Amino acid sequence: MERSTGGLVFGPPKSKAGQRTVGIPQAIVQALQEYIATYVQDEPGALMFPGAKGGPLRRSGFNTRIR
C-alpha cells in the first residue's frame, strides 16, 4: 500500500475485504505460468510486476501514463 506521504507499507490486508480470490480465464494460464517462471524471482514475497529498478510499482507511475 502506498501512503499519501509517499511511503510504502508491506503486510497483510487490514481486513478480510482486502483479500479475495480472483478468477482468471483458462486461456491465459499458460502465458501467466511462463511469465512467472521467466520474470518472477523464486523467493517468498517476490513481486509479480516490479518497477524498472526491481521495487514495487508506484501510484505516480500510472498517473503519468494514463493521460
N, C-alpha and C. Protein backbone atom coordinates (compact mmCIF):
# COMPACT_ATOMS: atom_id res chain seq x y z
N MET A 1 0.85 -1.17 0.00
CA MET A 1 0.00 0.00 0.00
C MET A 1 0.89 1.23 0.00
N GLU A 2 0.51 2.22 -0.76
CA GLU A 2 1.26 3.48 -0.80
C GLU A 2 0.50 4.51 0.01
N ARG A 3 1.16 5.08 0.99
CA ARG A 3 0.53 6.11 1.82
C ARG A 3 0.53 7.46 1.10
N SER A 4 -0.32 8.35 1.55
CA SER A 4 -0.40 9.67 0.95
C SER A 4 0.89 10.45 1.12
N THR A 5 1.71 10.07 2.08
CA THR A 5 3.00 10.72 2.31
C THR A 5 4.07 10.19 1.36
N GLY A 6 3.75 9.16 0.59
CA GLY A 6 4.70 8.58 -0.36
C GLY A 6 5.37 7.32 0.14
N GLY A 7 5.25 7.02 1.42
CA GLY A 7 5.86 5.80 1.97
C GLY A 7 5.09 4.56 1.57
N LEU A 8 5.77 3.43 1.56
CA LEU A 8 5.14 2.16 1.22
C LEU A 8 5.02 1.30 2.46
N VAL A 9 3.93 0.56 2.54
CA VAL A 9 3.69 -0.35 3.66
C VAL A 9 3.42 -1.73 3.08
N PHE A 10 4.23 -2.70 3.48
CA PHE A 10 4.01 -4.08 3.05
C PHE A 10 3.49 -4.88 4.23
N GLY A 11 2.52 -5.72 3.98
CA GLY A 11 1.97 -6.54 5.05
C GLY A 11 0.61 -7.06 4.65
N PRO A 12 -0.01 -7.76 5.56
CA PRO A 12 -1.33 -8.32 5.25
C PRO A 12 -2.38 -7.21 5.12
N PRO A 13 -3.49 -7.50 4.45
CA PRO A 13 -4.56 -6.51 4.34
C PRO A 13 -5.10 -6.15 5.72
N LYS A 14 -5.70 -4.97 5.80
CA LYS A 14 -6.25 -4.51 7.08
C LYS A 14 -7.51 -5.29 7.47
N SER A 15 -8.23 -5.82 6.49
CA SER A 15 -9.45 -6.56 6.78
C SER A 15 -9.60 -7.70 5.78
N LYS A 16 -10.57 -8.58 6.03
CA LYS A 16 -10.82 -9.68 5.09
C LYS A 16 -11.25 -9.17 3.73
N ALA A 17 -11.82 -7.99 3.66
CA ALA A 17 -12.25 -7.42 2.38
C ALA A 17 -11.06 -7.16 1.46
N GLY A 18 -9.88 -7.01 2.02
CA GLY A 18 -8.68 -6.74 1.22
C GLY A 18 -8.03 -8.00 0.67
N GLN A 19 -8.59 -9.15 0.96
CA GLN A 19 -8.05 -10.42 0.47
C GLN A 19 -9.18 -11.17 -0.23
N ARG A 20 -9.01 -11.41 -1.52
CA ARG A 20 -10.06 -12.09 -2.27
C ARG A 20 -9.48 -13.03 -3.31
N THR A 21 -10.29 -13.94 -3.74
CA THR A 21 -9.93 -14.85 -4.81
C THR A 21 -10.41 -14.23 -6.12
N VAL A 22 -9.52 -14.21 -7.10
CA VAL A 22 -9.86 -13.62 -8.40
C VAL A 22 -9.70 -14.70 -9.46
N GLY A 23 -10.73 -14.93 -10.22
CA GLY A 23 -10.66 -15.91 -11.30
C GLY A 23 -9.95 -15.33 -12.52
N ILE A 24 -9.23 -16.19 -13.22
CA ILE A 24 -8.58 -15.76 -14.47
C ILE A 24 -9.00 -16.72 -15.57
N PRO A 25 -9.10 -16.22 -16.79
CA PRO A 25 -9.51 -17.09 -17.90
C PRO A 25 -8.49 -18.20 -18.16
N GLN A 26 -8.95 -19.38 -18.41
CA GLN A 26 -8.08 -20.52 -18.70
C GLN A 26 -7.15 -20.21 -19.87
N ALA A 27 -7.60 -19.38 -20.79
CA ALA A 27 -6.82 -19.07 -21.99
C ALA A 27 -5.49 -18.37 -21.68
N ILE A 28 -5.37 -17.72 -20.51
CA ILE A 28 -4.12 -17.03 -20.21
C ILE A 28 -3.25 -17.74 -19.17
N VAL A 29 -3.71 -18.88 -18.66
CA VAL A 29 -2.97 -19.58 -17.61
C VAL A 29 -1.56 -19.95 -18.06
N GLN A 30 -1.40 -20.53 -19.23
CA GLN A 30 -0.08 -20.94 -19.69
C GLN A 30 0.84 -19.74 -19.86
N ALA A 31 0.35 -18.66 -20.43
CA ALA A 31 1.17 -17.46 -20.61
C ALA A 31 1.58 -16.89 -19.25
N LEU A 32 0.68 -16.92 -18.29
CA LEU A 32 0.98 -16.42 -16.95
C LEU A 32 2.03 -17.30 -16.26
N GLN A 33 1.91 -18.60 -16.41
CA GLN A 33 2.91 -19.51 -15.84
C GLN A 33 4.29 -19.29 -16.45
N GLU A 34 4.34 -19.07 -17.75
CA GLU A 34 5.61 -18.79 -18.43
C GLU A 34 6.21 -17.47 -17.95
N TYR A 35 5.37 -16.47 -17.80
CA TYR A 35 5.82 -15.17 -17.30
C TYR A 35 6.43 -15.32 -15.91
N ILE A 36 5.73 -16.02 -15.03
CA ILE A 36 6.21 -16.21 -13.65
C ILE A 36 7.55 -16.95 -13.66
N ALA A 37 7.64 -18.02 -14.45
CA ALA A 37 8.89 -18.80 -14.50
C ALA A 37 10.05 -17.98 -15.04
N THR A 38 9.78 -17.04 -15.93
CA THR A 38 10.83 -16.25 -16.56
C THR A 38 11.21 -15.00 -15.77
N TYR A 39 10.23 -14.29 -15.24
CA TYR A 39 10.48 -12.96 -14.69
C TYR A 39 10.34 -12.81 -13.18
N VAL A 40 9.63 -13.70 -12.51
CA VAL A 40 9.39 -13.54 -11.08
C VAL A 40 10.44 -14.32 -10.29
N GLN A 41 11.08 -13.64 -9.35
CA GLN A 41 12.12 -14.28 -8.54
C GLN A 41 11.51 -15.40 -7.72
N ASP A 42 12.28 -16.47 -7.54
CA ASP A 42 11.81 -17.64 -6.80
C ASP A 42 12.12 -17.46 -5.31
N GLU A 43 11.38 -16.57 -4.68
CA GLU A 43 11.55 -16.32 -3.25
C GLU A 43 10.23 -15.81 -2.67
N PRO A 44 10.00 -16.09 -1.39
CA PRO A 44 8.76 -15.61 -0.77
C PRO A 44 8.66 -14.08 -0.85
N GLY A 45 7.50 -13.59 -1.15
CA GLY A 45 7.28 -12.15 -1.22
C GLY A 45 7.76 -11.50 -2.50
N ALA A 46 8.18 -12.30 -3.49
CA ALA A 46 8.64 -11.73 -4.76
C ALA A 46 7.50 -10.96 -5.42
N LEU A 47 7.85 -9.88 -6.08
CA LEU A 47 6.84 -9.06 -6.75
C LEU A 47 6.53 -9.63 -8.13
N MET A 48 5.26 -9.69 -8.47
CA MET A 48 4.82 -10.20 -9.77
C MET A 48 5.16 -9.22 -10.87
N PHE A 49 4.94 -7.93 -10.62
CA PHE A 49 5.19 -6.89 -11.61
C PHE A 49 6.02 -5.78 -10.96
N PRO A 50 7.32 -6.00 -10.82
CA PRO A 50 8.16 -4.97 -10.19
C PRO A 50 8.39 -3.79 -11.13
N GLY A 51 8.81 -2.67 -10.55
CA GLY A 51 9.15 -1.49 -11.33
C GLY A 51 10.47 -1.70 -12.04
N ALA A 52 10.92 -0.70 -12.78
CA ALA A 52 12.13 -0.78 -13.60
C ALA A 52 13.37 -1.11 -12.77
N LYS A 53 13.41 -0.67 -11.53
CA LYS A 53 14.59 -0.90 -10.68
C LYS A 53 14.39 -2.09 -9.73
N GLY A 54 13.32 -2.86 -9.94
CA GLY A 54 13.08 -4.05 -9.14
C GLY A 54 12.18 -3.84 -7.94
N GLY A 55 11.85 -2.60 -7.63
CA GLY A 55 10.98 -2.30 -6.50
C GLY A 55 9.52 -2.34 -6.89
N PRO A 56 8.65 -2.03 -5.95
CA PRO A 56 7.21 -2.03 -6.26
C PRO A 56 6.83 -0.90 -7.20
N LEU A 57 5.78 -1.12 -7.97
CA LEU A 57 5.24 -0.07 -8.83
C LEU A 57 4.62 1.00 -7.94
N ARG A 58 4.81 2.25 -8.34
CA ARG A 58 4.27 3.37 -7.56
C ARG A 58 3.05 3.94 -8.25
N ARG A 59 2.14 4.42 -7.47
CA ARG A 59 0.91 5.02 -7.98
C ARG A 59 1.22 6.15 -8.96
N SER A 60 2.24 6.94 -8.66
CA SER A 60 2.59 8.08 -9.51
C SER A 60 3.02 7.63 -10.91
N GLY A 61 3.55 6.43 -11.05
CA GLY A 61 3.95 5.92 -12.35
C GLY A 61 2.78 5.68 -13.27
N PHE A 62 1.62 5.35 -12.72
CA PHE A 62 0.43 5.14 -13.53
C PHE A 62 -0.18 6.47 -13.96
N ASN A 63 -0.16 7.44 -13.08
CA ASN A 63 -0.79 8.73 -13.39
C ASN A 63 -0.18 9.39 -14.61
N THR A 64 1.12 9.24 -14.83
CA THR A 64 1.76 9.89 -15.97
C THR A 64 1.52 9.12 -17.27
N ARG A 65 1.07 7.90 -17.19
CA ARG A 65 0.90 7.07 -18.39
C ARG A 65 -0.53 6.95 -18.88
N ILE A 66 -1.49 7.42 -18.11
CA ILE A 66 -2.90 7.21 -18.48
C ILE A 66 -3.55 8.44 -19.10
N ARG A 67 -2.83 9.49 -19.27
CA ARG A 67 -3.42 10.72 -19.84
C ARG A 67 -3.43 10.69 -21.32
